[in-house]
C-alpha atoms as a PDB file:
ATOM      1  CA  MET A   1      74.771 -97.223  11.572  1.00  0.00           C
ATOM      2  CA  THR A   2      71.265 -96.422  12.794  1.00  0.00           C
ATOM      3  CA  ALA A   3      70.169 -98.017  16.096  1.00  0.00           C
ATOM      4  CA  GLN A   4      67.365-100.509  15.904  1.00  0.00           C
ATOM      5  CA  PRO A   5      63.970 -99.376  17.238  1.00  0.00           C
ATOM      6  CA  GLU A   6      63.893-102.267  19.698  1.00  0.00           C
ATOM      7  CA  THR A   7      67.212-101.169  21.232  1.00  0.00           C
ATOM      8  CA  ILE A   8      66.006 -97.598  21.659  1.00  0.00           C
ATOM      9  CA  GLU A   9      62.829 -98.761  23.331  1.00  0.00           C
ATOM     10  CA  MET A  10      64.803-100.971  25.756  1.00  0.00           C
ATOM     11  CA  GLU A  11      67.088 -98.059  26.700  1.00  0.00           C
ATOM     12  CA  GLN A  12      64.092 -95.825  27.299  1.00  0.00           C
ATOM     13  CA  ALA A  13      62.433 -98.500  29.447  1.00  0.00           C
ATOM     14  CA  ARG A  14      65.580 -98.913  31.590  1.00  0.00           C
ATOM     15  CA  PHE A  15      65.865 -95.124  32.011  1.00  0.00           C
ATOM     16  CA  THR A  16      62.241 -94.885  33.002  1.00  0.00           C
ATOM     17  CA  LYS A  17      62.672 -97.704  35.510  1.00  0.00           C
ATOM     18  CA  ARG A  18      65.730 -96.087  37.080  1.00  0.00           C
ATOM     19  CA  ARG A  19      63.950 -92.738  37.288  1.00  0.00           C
ATOM     20  CA  ASN A  20      60.970 -94.332  38.995  1.00  0.00           C
ATOM     21  CA  TRP A  21      63.259 -96.033  41.508  1.00  0.00           C
ATOM     22  CA  LEU A  22      65.006 -92.734  42.217  1.00  0.00           C
ATOM     23  CA  LEU A  23      61.693 -90.952  42.647  1.00  0.00           C
ATOM     24  CA  MET A  24      60.532 -93.650  45.040  1.00  0.00           C
ATOM     25  CA  ALA A  25      63.774 -93.630  47.029  1.00  0.00           C
ATOM     26  CA  LEU A  26      64.114 -89.835  47.153  1.00  0.00           C
ATOM     27  CA  PRO A  27      61.564 -89.308  49.981  1.00  0.00           C
ATOM     28  CA  LEU A  28      63.224 -92.034  52.014  1.00  0.00           C
ATOM     29  CA  LEU A  29      66.627 -90.467  51.462  1.00  0.00           C
ATOM     30  CA  LEU A  30      65.292 -87.065  52.436  1.00  0.00           C
ATOM     31  CA  LEU A  31      63.729 -88.487  55.599  1.00  0.00           C
ATOM     32  CA  ALA A  32      66.962 -90.230  56.489  1.00  0.00           C
ATOM     33  CA  ALA A  33      68.949 -87.054  55.876  1.00  0.00           C
ATOM     34  CA  ALA A  34      66.521 -85.061  57.977  1.00  0.00           C
ATOM     35  CA  GLY A  35      66.756 -87.604  60.778  1.00  0.00           C
ATOM     36  CA  VAL A  36      70.552 -87.524  60.712  1.00  0.00           C
ATOM     37  CA  TRP A  37      70.517 -83.717  60.681  1.00  0.00           C
ATOM     38  CA  LEU A  38      68.091 -83.587  63.610  1.00  0.00           C
ATOM     39  CA  TRP A  39      70.162 -86.120  65.527  1.00  0.00           C
ATOM     40  CA  PHE A  40      73.314 -84.049  65.114  1.00  0.00           C
ATOM     41  CA  ALA A  41      71.406 -80.816  65.745  1.00  0.00           C
ATOM     42  CA  GLU A  42      69.845 -82.077  68.976  1.00  0.00           C
ATOM     43  CA  ARG A  43      73.074 -83.649  70.158  1.00  0.00           C
ATOM     44  CA  GLY A  44      74.576 -81.472  72.893  1.00  0.00           C
ATOM     45  CA  SER A  45      71.328 -79.721  73.825  1.00  0.00           C
ATOM     46  CA  ILE A  46      68.461 -80.426  76.198  1.00  0.00           C
ATOM     47  CA  SER A  47      64.996 -78.972  75.854  1.00  0.00           C
ATOM     48  CA  THR A  48      61.717 -79.040  77.723  1.00  0.00           C
ATOM     49  CA  ASP A  49      58.344 -77.424  77.287  1.00  0.00           C
ATOM     50  CA  ASN A  50      57.564 -77.740  81.002  1.00  0.00           C
ATOM     51  CA  ALA A  51      58.690 -74.176  81.638  1.00  0.00           C
ATOM     52  CA  TYR A  52      56.943 -71.023  82.785  1.00  0.00           C
ATOM     53  CA  VAL A  53      57.725 -67.341  83.128  1.00  0.00           C
ATOM     54  CA  GLN A  54      58.223 -66.216  86.723  1.00  0.00           C
ATOM     55  CA  GLN A  55      58.341 -62.753  88.268  1.00  0.00           C
ATOM     56  CA  GLY A  56      58.972 -61.535  91.786  1.00  0.00           C
ATOM     57  CA  ARG A  57      55.853 -60.738  93.772  1.00  0.00           C
ATOM     58  CA  VAL A  58      55.575 -58.481  96.816  1.00  0.00           C
ATOM     59  CA  ALA A  59      52.467 -58.678  98.980  1.00  0.00           C
ATOM     60  CA  ILE A  60      51.485 -55.280 100.361  1.00  0.00           C
ATOM     61  CA  SER A  61      50.403 -55.099 103.993  1.00  0.00           C
ATOM     62  CA  ALA A  62      50.038 -52.361 106.581  1.00  0.00           C
ATOM     63  CA  ASP A  63      52.514 -51.751 109.417  1.00  0.00           C
ATOM     64  CA  VAL A  64      49.708 -50.253 111.512  1.00  0.00           C
ATOM     65  CA  THR A  65      46.051 -51.138 111.872  1.00  0.00           C
ATOM     66  CA  GLY A  66      43.765 -48.489 110.435  1.00  0.00           C
ATOM     67  CA  ARG A  67      40.776 -47.797 108.228  1.00  0.00           C
ATOM     68  CA  VAL A  68      41.419 -47.314 104.506  1.00  0.00           C
ATOM     69  CA  ALA A  69      40.756 -43.742 103.462  1.00  0.00           C
ATOM     70  CA  GLU A  70      41.845 -43.923  99.814  1.00  0.00           C
ATOM     71  CA  VAL A  71      43.156 -46.454  97.283  1.00  0.00           C
ATOM     72  CA  LEU A  72      45.297 -44.709  94.676  1.00  0.00           C
ATOM     73  CA  VAL A  73      45.995 -47.578  92.248  1.00  0.00           C
ATOM     74  CA  ARG A  74      43.858 -49.647  89.931  1.00  0.00           C
ATOM     75  CA  GLU A  75      44.264 -53.167  88.606  1.00  0.00           C
ATOM     76  CA  SER A  76      47.300 -53.685  86.289  1.00  0.00           C
ATOM     77  CA  GLN A  77      48.502 -50.119  86.810  1.00  0.00           C
ATOM     78  CA  PRO A  78      52.286 -49.650  86.450  1.00  0.00           C
ATOM     79  CA  VAL A  79      53.818 -48.205  89.606  1.00  0.00           C
ATOM     80  CA  ARG A  80      57.264 -46.905  90.511  1.00  0.00           C
ATOM     81  CA  ARG A  81      59.198 -47.351  93.708  1.00  0.00           C
ATOM     82  CA  GLY A  82      57.867 -44.879  96.275  1.00  0.00           C
ATOM     83  CA  ASP A  83      54.480 -44.286  94.627  1.00  0.00           C
ATOM     84  CA  VAL A  84      51.605 -43.999  97.101  1.00  0.00           C
ATOM     85  CA  LEU A  85      49.321 -47.040  96.944  1.00  0.00           C
ATOM     86  CA  ILE A  86      46.986 -46.650  99.932  1.00  0.00           C
ATOM     87  CA  ARG A  87      46.223 -43.949 102.472  1.00  0.00           C
ATOM     88  CA  LEU A  88      44.870 -44.870 105.895  1.00  0.00           C
ATOM     89  CA  GLY A  89      42.862 -42.556 108.112  1.00  0.00           C
ATOM     90  CA  ASP A  90      45.496 -40.707 110.177  1.00  0.00           C
ATOM     91  CA  GLU A  91      43.426 -38.846 112.792  1.00  0.00           C
ATOM     92  CA  PRO A  92      43.957 -41.429 115.603  1.00  0.00           C
ATOM     93  CA  PHE A  93      47.671 -41.442 114.890  1.00  0.00           C
ATOM     94  CA  ARG A  94      47.898 -37.636 114.955  1.00  0.00           C
ATOM     95  CA  LEU A  95      46.185 -37.632 118.353  1.00  0.00           C
ATOM     96  CA  ALA A  96      48.611 -40.284 119.595  1.00  0.00           C
ATOM     97  CA  LEU A  97      51.552 -38.181 118.385  1.00  0.00           C
ATOM     98  CA  ALA A  98      50.195 -35.082 120.168  1.00  0.00           C
ATOM     99  CA  GLU A  99      49.805 -37.080 123.387  1.00  0.00           C
ATOM    100  CA  ALA A 100      53.359 -38.423 123.087  1.00  0.00           C
ATOM    101  CA  GLU A 101      54.738 -34.913 122.590  1.00  0.00           C
ATOM    102  CA  ALA A 102      52.845 -33.727 125.667  1.00  0.00           C
ATOM    103  CA  ARG A 103      54.326 -36.553 127.718  1.00  0.00           C
ATOM    104  CA  LEU A 104      57.789 -35.619 126.488  1.00  0.00           C
ATOM    105  CA  ALA A 105      57.294 -32.010 127.562  1.00  0.00           C
ATOM    106  CA  SER A 106      56.070 -33.206 130.961  1.00  0.00           C
ATOM    107  CA  ALA A 107      59.122 -35.448 131.338  1.00  0.00           C
ATOM    108  CA  ARG A 108      61.463 -32.573 130.509  1.00  0.00           C
ATOM    109  CA  LEU A 109      59.721 -30.378 133.084  1.00  0.00           C
ATOM    110  CA  GLU A 110      59.986 -33.100 135.706  1.00  0.00           C
ATOM    111  CA  VAL A 111      63.672 -33.560 135.006  1.00  0.00           C
ATOM    112  CA  ALA A 112      64.248 -29.809 135.169  1.00  0.00           C
ATOM    113  CA  GLU A 113      62.837 -29.858 138.698  1.00  0.00           C
ATOM    114  CA  LEU A 114      65.524 -32.294 139.800  1.00  0.00           C
ATOM    115  CA  GLY A 115      67.991 -29.402 140.249  1.00  0.00           C
ATOM    116  CA  THR A 116      65.698 -27.787 142.811  1.00  0.00           C
ATOM    117  CA  ASP A 117      65.263 -31.126 144.535  1.00  0.00           C
ATOM    118  CA  THR A 118      69.057 -31.460 144.805  1.00  0.00           C
ATOM    119  CA  SER A 119      69.324 -28.096 146.608  1.00  0.00           C
ATOM    120  CA  SER A 120      66.607 -29.164 149.021  1.00  0.00           C
ATOM    121  CA  ARG A 121      68.373 -32.431 149.727  1.00  0.00           C
ATOM    122  CA  ARG A 122      71.636 -30.600 150.370  1.00  0.00           C
ATOM    123  CA  ALA A 123      69.965 -28.332 152.941  1.00  0.00           C
ATOM    124  CA  ASP A 124      68.457 -31.378 154.623  1.00  0.00           C
ATOM    125  CA  VAL A 125      71.911 -32.960 154.880  1.00  0.00           C
ATOM    126  CA  GLU A 126      73.299 -29.852 156.593  1.00  0.00           C
ATOM    127  CA  ALA A 127      70.451 -29.912 159.093  1.00  0.00           C
ATOM    128  CA  ARG A 128      71.114 -33.582 159.814  1.00  0.00           C
ATOM    129  CA  ARG A 129      74.806 -32.858 160.356  1.00  0.00           C
ATOM    130  CA  ASP A 130      73.945 -30.142 162.861  1.00  0.00           C
ATOM    131  CA  ALA A 131      71.668 -32.611 164.647  1.00  0.00           C
ATOM    132  CA  VAL A 132      74.510 -35.138 164.847  1.00  0.00           C
ATOM    133  CA  THR A 133      76.873 -32.495 166.220  1.00  0.00           C
ATOM    134  CA  PHE A 134      74.352 -31.504 168.870  1.00  0.00           C
ATOM    135  CA  ALA A 135      73.720 -35.150 169.815  1.00  0.00           C
ATOM    136  CA  ARG A 136      77.448 -35.795 170.205  1.00  0.00           C
ATOM    137  CA  THR A 137      77.852 -32.698 172.359  1.00  0.00           C
ATOM    138  CA  GLU A 138      74.924 -33.768 174.524  1.00  0.00           C
ATOM    139  CA  LEU A 139      76.311 -37.262 174.865  1.00  0.00           C
ATOM    140  CA  ALA A 140      79.692 -35.882 175.925  1.00  0.00           C
ATOM    141  CA  ARG A 141      78.033 -33.610 178.496  1.00  0.00           C
ATOM    142  CA  GLN A 142      75.955 -36.447 179.915  1.00  0.00           C
ATOM    143  CA  GLN A 143      79.043 -38.653 180.088  1.00  0.00           C
ATOM    144  CA  ALA A 144      80.937 -35.963 182.019  1.00  0.00           C
ATOM    145  CA  LEU A 145      78.012 -35.538 184.406  1.00  0.00           C
ATOM    146  CA  MET A 146      77.803 -39.289 184.874  1.00  0.00           C
ATOM    147  CA  ASP A 147      81.461 -39.409 185.798  1.00  0.00           C
ATOM    148  CA  ARG A 148      80.828 -36.800 188.525  1.00  0.00           C
ATOM    149  CA  GLY A 149      77.655 -38.464 189.673  1.00  0.00           C
ATOM    150  CA  PHE A 150      75.346 -35.594 188.704  1.00  0.00           C
ATOM    151  CA  THR A 151      73.124 -37.479 186.210  1.00  0.00           C
ATOM    152  CA  THR A 152      71.415 -40.801 185.785  1.00  0.00           C
ATOM    153  CA  SER A 153      72.100 -43.778 183.560  1.00  0.00           C
ATOM    154  CA  ALA A 154      68.735 -43.242 181.819  1.00  0.00           C
ATOM    155  CA  ARG A 155      69.730 -39.789 180.622  1.00  0.00           C
ATOM    156  CA  LEU A 156      73.087 -41.073 179.408  1.00  0.00           C
ATOM    157  CA  GLN A 157      71.361 -43.912 177.492  1.00  0.00           C
ATOM    158  CA  ALA A 158      68.886 -41.425 175.989  1.00  0.00           C
ATOM    159  CA  ALA A 159      71.765 -39.266 174.771  1.00  0.00           C
ATOM    160  CA  ARG A 160      73.404 -42.271 173.146  1.00  0.00           C
ATOM    161  CA  SER A 161      70.105 -43.217 171.464  1.00  0.00           C
ATOM    162  CA  SER A 162      69.630 -39.658 170.192  1.00  0.00           C
ATOM    163  CA  LEU A 163      73.115 -39.712 168.653  1.00  0.00           C
ATOM    164  CA  ALA A 164      72.436 -43.037 166.931  1.00  0.00           C
ATOM    165  CA  GLN A 165      69.163 -41.743 165.489  1.00  0.00           C
ATOM    166  CA  ALA A 166      70.815 -38.529 164.292  1.00  0.00           C
ATOM    167  CA  GLU A 167      73.607 -40.463 162.570  1.00  0.00           C
ATOM    168  CA  ALA A 168      71.055 -42.773 160.867  1.00  0.00           C
ATOM    169  CA  ALA A 169      69.059 -39.778 159.673  1.00  0.00           C
ATOM    170  CA  LEU A 170      72.261 -38.203 158.331  1.00  0.00           C
ATOM    171  CA  ALA A 171      73.173 -41.376 156.423  1.00  0.00           C
ATOM    172  CA  SER A 172      69.687 -41.497 154.881  1.00  0.00           C
ATOM    173  CA  ALA A 173      69.888 -37.820 153.909  1.00  0.00           C
ATOM    174  CA  LEU A 174      73.310 -38.348 152.331  1.00  0.00           C
ATOM    175  CA  ALA A 175      71.980 -41.279 150.273  1.00  0.00           C
ATOM    176  CA  GLU A 176      69.009 -39.273 149.090  1.00  0.00           C
ATOM    177  CA  GLU A 177      71.263 -36.354 148.195  1.00  0.00           C
ATOM    178  CA  ALA A 178      73.560 -38.652 146.191  1.00  0.00           C
ATOM    179  CA  GLY A 179      70.601 -40.091 144.278  1.00  0.00           C
ATOM    180  CA  SER A 180      69.225 -36.635 143.590  1.00  0.00           C
ATOM    181  CA  ARG A 181      72.644 -35.418 142.428  1.00  0.00           C
ATOM    182  CA  ALA A 182      72.992 -38.416 140.078  1.00  0.00           C
ATOM    183  CA  ARG A 183      69.571 -37.780 138.598  1.00  0.00           C
ATOM    184  CA  ALA A 184      70.406 -34.109 138.149  1.00  0.00           C
ATOM    185  CA  ASN A 185      73.713 -34.901 136.425  1.00  0.00           C
ATOM    186  CA  THR A 186      71.946 -37.337 134.116  1.00  0.00           C
ATOM    187  CA  ALA A 187      69.352 -34.718 133.300  1.00  0.00           C
ATOM    188  CA  GLU A 188      72.062 -32.206 132.413  1.00  0.00           C
ATOM    189  CA  ARG A 189      73.561 -34.685 129.943  1.00  0.00           C
ATOM    190  CA  GLY A 190      70.151 -35.228 128.341  1.00  0.00           C
ATOM    191  CA  THR A 191      70.166 -38.976 129.048  1.00  0.00           C
ATOM    192  CA  HIS A 192      67.617 -39.153 131.818  1.00  0.00           C
ATOM    193  CA  PRO A 193      65.453 -42.303 131.525  1.00  0.00           C
ATOM    194  CA  LEU A 194      62.242 -40.295 131.729  1.00  0.00           C
ATOM    195  CA  ILE A 195      63.262 -38.170 128.737  1.00  0.00           C
ATOM    196  CA  LEU A 196      64.592 -41.159 126.775  1.00  0.00           C
ATOM    197  CA  ALA A 197      61.361 -43.115 127.320  1.00  0.00           C
ATOM    198  CA  ALA A 198      59.222 -40.131 126.335  1.00  0.00           C
ATOM    199  CA  GLU A 199      61.317 -39.496 123.218  1.00  0.00           C
ATOM    200  CA  ALA A 200      61.033 -43.155 122.209  1.00  0.00           C
ATOM    201  CA  ALA A 201      57.248 -42.995 122.613  1.00  0.00           C
ATOM    202  CA  ARG A 202      57.151 -39.783 120.566  1.00  0.00           C
ATOM    203  CA  ASP A 203      59.284 -41.344 117.792  1.00  0.00           C
ATOM    204  CA  GLN A 204      57.081 -44.454 117.745  1.00  0.00           C
ATOM    205  CA  ALA A 205      53.949 -42.302 117.396  1.00  0.00           C
ATOM    206  CA  ALA A 206      55.564 -40.320 114.557  1.00  0.00           C
ATOM    207  CA  PHE A 207      56.610 -43.574 112.865  1.00  0.00           C
ATOM    208  CA  ASP A 208      53.070 -44.967 113.123  1.00  0.00           C
ATOM    209  CA  LEU A 209      51.720 -41.761 111.602  1.00  0.00           C
ATOM    210  CA  SER A 210      54.129 -41.997 108.668  1.00  0.00           C
ATOM    211  CA  ARG A 211      53.063 -45.599 108.070  1.00  0.00           C
ATOM    212  CA  THR A 212      49.491 -44.549 107.343  1.00  0.00           C
ATOM    213  CA  ILE A 213      50.800 -43.820 103.825  1.00  0.00           C
ATOM    214  CA  ILE A 214      51.599 -47.156 102.132  1.00  0.00           C
ATOM    215  CA  ARG A 215      54.066 -46.863  99.252  1.00  0.00           C
ATOM    216  CA  SER A 216      55.248 -49.235  96.555  1.00  0.00           C
ATOM    217  CA  PRO A 217      58.507 -50.982  97.539  1.00  0.00           C
ATOM    218  CA  ALA A 218      59.638 -51.517  93.924  1.00  0.00           C
ATOM    219  CA  ASN A 219      58.816 -50.968  90.268  1.00  0.00           C
ATOM    220  CA  GLY A 220      56.112 -53.235  88.963  1.00  0.00           C
ATOM    221  CA  ILE A 221      52.445 -53.797  88.172  1.00  0.00           C
ATOM    222  CA  ALA A 222      49.698 -53.483  90.774  1.00  0.00           C
ATOM    223  CA  THR A 223      47.444 -56.521  90.966  1.00  0.00           C
ATOM    224  CA  GLN A 224      44.651 -57.874  93.199  1.00  0.00           C
ATOM    225  CA  THR A 225      43.604 -54.333  94.018  1.00  0.00           C
ATOM    226  CA  TYR A 226      40.049 -55.590  94.557  1.00  0.00           C
ATOM    227  CA  ARG A 227      41.177 -56.976  97.926  1.00  0.00           C
ATOM    228  CA  VAL A 228      41.383 -53.526  99.501  1.00  0.00           C
ATOM    229  CA  LEU A 229      38.539 -51.004  99.388  1.00  0.00           C
ATOM    230  CA  PRO A 230      37.961 -47.606 101.036  1.00  0.00           C
ATOM    231  CA  GLY A 231      36.312 -47.958 104.407  1.00  0.00           C
ATOM    232  CA  GLN A 232      37.628 -51.388 105.301  1.00  0.00           C
ATOM    233  CA  VAL A 233      40.068 -51.929 108.158  1.00  0.00           C
ATOM    234  CA  MET A 234      43.591 -53.040 107.251  1.00  0.00           C
ATOM    235  CA  ALA A 235      45.139 -55.151 109.997  1.00  0.00           C
ATOM    236  CA  THR A 236      48.860 -55.151 110.638  1.00  0.00           C
ATOM    237  CA  GLY A 237      50.715 -57.762 108.585  1.00  0.00           C
ATOM    238  CA  ILE A 238      47.682 -59.048 106.632  1.00  0.00           C
ATOM    239  CA  PRO A 239      48.499 -59.085 102.857  1.00  0.00           C
ATOM    240  CA  THR A 240      46.127 -57.229 100.562  1.00  0.00           C
ATOM    241  CA  LEU A 241      47.070 -56.182  97.031  1.00  0.00           C
ATOM    242  CA  ALA A 242      50.365 -57.236  95.431  1.00  0.00           C
ATOM    243  CA  ILE A 243      53.063 -55.778  93.192  1.00  0.00           C
ATOM    244  CA  MET A 244      54.386 -57.972  90.383  1.00  0.00           C
ATOM    245  CA  LEU A 245      57.995 -56.879  89.989  1.00  0.00           C
ATOM    246  CA  SER A 246      58.854 -55.877  86.431  1.00  0.00           C
ATOM    247  CA  GLU A 247      62.604 -56.138  86.991  1.00  0.00           C
ATOM    248  CA  ASN A 248      64.639 -59.323  86.452  1.00  0.00           C
ATOM    249  CA  PRO A 249      61.996 -61.844  85.322  1.00  0.00           C
ATOM    250  CA  TRP A 250      63.119 -65.422  84.780  1.00  0.00           C
ATOM    251  CA  VAL A 251      61.904 -68.743  83.416  1.00  0.00           C
ATOM    252  CA  GLU A 252      61.568 -71.792  85.622  1.00  0.00           C
ATOM    253  CA  ALA A 253      62.166 -74.885  83.488  1.00  0.00           C
ATOM    254  CA  ASN A 254      61.406 -78.286  84.980  1.00  0.00           C
ATOM    255  CA  PHE A 255      63.871 -80.722  83.408  1.00  0.00           C
ATOM    256  CA  LYS A 256      63.842 -84.470  83.869  1.00  0.00           C
ATOM    257  CA  GLU A 257      66.410 -85.763  86.286  1.00  0.00           C
ATOM    258  CA  THR A 258      67.928 -87.827  83.475  1.00  0.00           C
ATOM    259  CA  ASP A 259      68.724 -84.616  81.544  1.00  0.00           C
ATOM    260  CA  LEU A 260      70.904 -83.020  84.216  1.00  0.00           C
ATOM    261  CA  GLN A 261      74.096 -85.030  83.712  1.00  0.00           C
ATOM    262  CA  HIS A 262      75.791 -82.430  81.502  1.00  0.00           C
ATOM    263  CA  MET A 263      73.895 -79.321  82.629  1.00  0.00           C
ATOM    264  CA  ARG A 264      75.845 -76.643  84.478  1.00  0.00           C
ATOM    265  CA  PRO A 265      75.131 -73.063  85.599  1.00  0.00           C
ATOM    266  CA  GLY A 266      76.237 -70.532  83.003  1.00  0.00           C
ATOM    267  CA  GLN A 267      75.314 -72.592  79.919  1.00  0.00           C
ATOM    268  CA  SER A 268      73.462 -70.628  77.246  1.00  0.00           C
ATOM    269  CA  ALA A 269      69.783 -71.240  76.588  1.00  0.00           C
ATOM    270  CA  THR A 270      67.094 -70.180  74.143  1.00  0.00           C
ATOM    271  CA  ILE A 271      63.562 -69.380  75.243  1.00  0.00           C
ATOM    272  CA  VAL A 272      60.444 -69.444  73.086  1.00  0.00           C
ATOM    273  CA  LEU A 273      57.099 -68.528  74.616  1.00  0.00           C
ATOM    274  CA  ASP A 274      53.946 -70.283  73.439  1.00  0.00           C
ATOM    275  CA  ALA A 275      52.182 -66.922  73.304  1.00  0.00           C
ATOM    276  CA  TYR A 276      54.857 -65.464  70.967  1.00  0.00           C
ATOM    277  CA  PRO A 277      56.280 -68.398  68.982  1.00  0.00           C
ATOM    278  CA  ASP A 278      58.069 -66.144  66.485  1.00  0.00           C
ATOM    279  CA  ALA A 279      60.148 -64.339  69.121  1.00  0.00           C
ATOM    280  CA  GLU A 280      63.199 -66.099  70.540  1.00  0.00           C
ATOM    281  CA  MET A 281      64.960 -64.843  73.657  1.00  0.00           C
ATOM    282  CA  LYS A 282      68.463 -65.596  74.850  1.00  0.00           C
ATOM    283  CA  GLY A 283      69.279 -66.658  78.388  1.00  0.00           C
ATOM    284  CA  HIS A 284      71.531 -68.807  80.512  1.00  0.00           C
ATOM    285  CA  VAL A 285      71.253 -71.335  83.308  1.00  0.00           C
ATOM    286  CA  ALA A 286      71.312 -69.302  86.513  1.00  0.00           C
ATOM    287  CA  SER A 287      70.932 -72.145  88.991  1.00  0.00           C
ATOM    288  CA  ILE A 288      69.820 -75.749  89.319  1.00  0.00           C
ATOM    289  CA  GLY A 289      67.279 -76.506  92.010  1.00  0.00           C
ATOM    290  CA  ALA A 290      68.359 -78.093  95.286  1.00  0.00           C
ATOM    291  CA  GLY A 291      65.431 -80.523  95.229  1.00  0.00           C
ATOM    292  CA  THR A 292      62.825 -82.001  92.946  1.00  0.00           C
ATOM    293  CA  GLY A 293      59.347 -80.589  92.709  1.00  0.00           C
ATOM    294  CA  SER A 294      57.885 -83.395  94.810  1.00  0.00           C
ATOM    295  CA  GLU A 295      60.237 -82.589  97.686  1.00  0.00           C
ATOM    296  CA  PHE A 296      58.728 -79.116  98.023  1.00  0.00           C
ATOM    297  CA  ALA A 297      55.132 -80.281  97.705  1.00  0.00           C
ATOM    298  CA  VAL A 298      52.745 -79.728 100.599  1.00  0.00           C
ATOM    299  CA  LEU A 299      52.305 -83.498 100.850  1.00  0.00           C
ATOM    300  CA  PRO A 300      55.560 -85.146  99.660  1.00  0.00           C
ATOM    301  CA  ALA A 301      55.227 -88.568  98.080  1.00  0.00           C
ATOM    302  CA  GLN A 302      55.849 -91.535 100.381  1.00  0.00           C
ATOM    303  CA  ASN A 303      57.776 -94.131  98.386  1.00  0.00           C
ATOM    304  CA  ALA A 304      58.198 -96.633 101.231  1.00  0.00           C
ATOM    305  CA  THR A 305      55.148 -98.630 100.160  1.00  0.00           C
ATOM    306  CA  GLY A 306      54.625-102.051  98.669  1.00  0.00           C
ATOM    307  CA  ASN A 307      53.101-100.778  95.407  1.00  0.00           C
ATOM    308  CA  TRP A 308      55.919 -98.329  94.661  1.00  0.00           C
ATOM    309  CA  VAL A 309      56.253 -97.281  91.013  1.00  0.00           C
ATOM    310  CA  LYS A 310      59.344 -95.396  89.872  1.00  0.00           C
ATOM    311  CA  VAL A 311      58.501 -92.065  88.273  1.00  0.00           C
ATOM    312  CA  VAL A 312      61.007 -89.793  86.591  1.00  0.00           C
ATOM    313  CA  GLN A 313      61.350 -86.715  88.755  1.00  0.00           C
ATOM    314  CA  ARG A 314      61.697 -83.152  87.496  1.00  0.00           C
ATOM    315  CA  VAL A 315      64.135 -80.605  88.871  1.00  0.00           C
ATOM    316  CA  PRO A 316      63.414 -76.849  88.617  1.00  0.00           C
ATOM    317  CA  VAL A 317      66.141 -74.969  86.758  1.00  0.00           C
ATOM    318  CA  ARG A 318      66.167 -71.169  86.795  1.00  0.00           C
ATOM    319  CA  ILE A 319      66.857 -69.636  83.384  1.00  0.00           C
ATOM    320  CA  ALA A 320      67.909 -65.993  83.505  1.00  0.00           C
ATOM    321  CA  ILE A 321      66.767 -63.877  80.550  1.00  0.00           C
ATOM    322  CA  ASP A 322      69.710 -62.060  78.941  1.00  0.00           C
ATOM    323  CA  SER A 323      68.090 -60.395  75.933  1.00  0.00           C
ATOM    324  CA  GLU A 324      65.538 -57.608  76.179  1.00  0.00           C
ATOM    325  CA  PRO A 325      62.057 -59.116  75.765  1.00  0.00           C
ATOM    326  CA  PRO A 326      60.294 -57.652  72.702  1.00  0.00           C
ATOM    327  CA  PHE A 327      57.026 -57.636  74.655  1.00  0.00           C
ATOM    328  CA  ALA A 328      55.768 -57.323  78.195  1.00  0.00           C
ATOM    329  CA  LEU A 329      56.266 -60.598  80.036  1.00  0.00           C
ATOM    330  CA  ILE A 330      53.351 -62.040  81.985  1.00  0.00           C
ATOM    331  CA  ALA A 331      53.966 -64.323  84.918  1.00  0.00           C
ATOM    332  CA  GLY A 332      52.864 -67.881  84.269  1.00  0.00           C
ATOM    333  CA  LEU A 333      53.250 -67.913  80.463  1.00  0.00           C
ATOM    334  CA  SER A 334      54.269 -71.295  79.070  1.00  0.00           C
ATOM    335  CA  ALA A 335      57.633 -71.558  77.358  1.00  0.00           C
ATOM    336  CA  LYS A 336      60.005 -73.989  75.680  1.00  0.00           C
ATOM    337  CA  VAL A 337      63.597 -73.870  76.861  1.00  0.00           C
ATOM    338  CA  THR A 338      66.599 -75.369  75.100  1.00  0.00           C
ATOM    339  CA  VAL A 339      69.928 -75.490  76.933  1.00  0.00           C
ATOM    340  CA  ASP A 340      73.218 -75.882  75.054  1.00  0.00           C
ATOM    341  CA  THR A 341      75.195 -78.432  77.099  1.00  0.00           C
ATOM    342  CA  ARG A 342      78.184 -78.685  74.759  1.00  0.00           C
ATOM    343  CA  ARG A 343      80.169 -76.236  76.928  1.00  0.00           C
END
């Protein structure tokens, strides 16, 4: 039996109505599905875009004060550990080293003369002993004469005084001989203070001369080379150019304090730099800061006021980079960091 035209038209109308409803509901369903997927995808991870690439930085300064003779690096030049960066004028330091070596030679000569001085002191002691022997003999003779009544009390007292003076002179000579012998023995062992002081001065002068050549302490990139020019005087300890260390860069991510509940060192992280959005790097949480950023500010916030407003604080978290960067990292680049807190 053939269906009536009215029935066919009603079926087509209902089908069209259902299709329109499905077409209208499909975007909403897709949005809901996307929201559910994002909710499950973001669950167990924490992310922030308040993150920046960091690199170690070594400020280069001189250990001695001198005038710059030559600058051997240019801005952004790669350098290796031990490469010469700056040469200072070394003529004053060479003269100081020559003077120190001359003083060392003089000290050795002076110490060598101590042996002769010891012999002289020994001869003086023998002479003093002879004088004491003579004074004792004279005192005994005067005492014998006094007992017989052939001398005076004044002569006997003079003999006693002469003996006392001879004994004092002998004691002084013995002390001087002992000191001279000690100095001579020290000189023979090579530990005489005069030689040690002169050697220390010579070593210091040689060290100062070696420090006129300033070398790179690590591998990296030379920067701020405009701060040191030939002809200027470099003062001891005053920073000039710097070396940005190319080894072991990291990302410092500033997470909200409310995001740290499940964060632990060792958790994996992904890093995406704003400059290279198509390149993703792998890393892990190396450490969580011991204080918020405001605690390390030059002027920390004072919250003990009547108009206090609570502000969510941020804690610096160091993210170590595990994968090899596909490009040269630049300190200060902005990044987005996502930490997987499910483990």
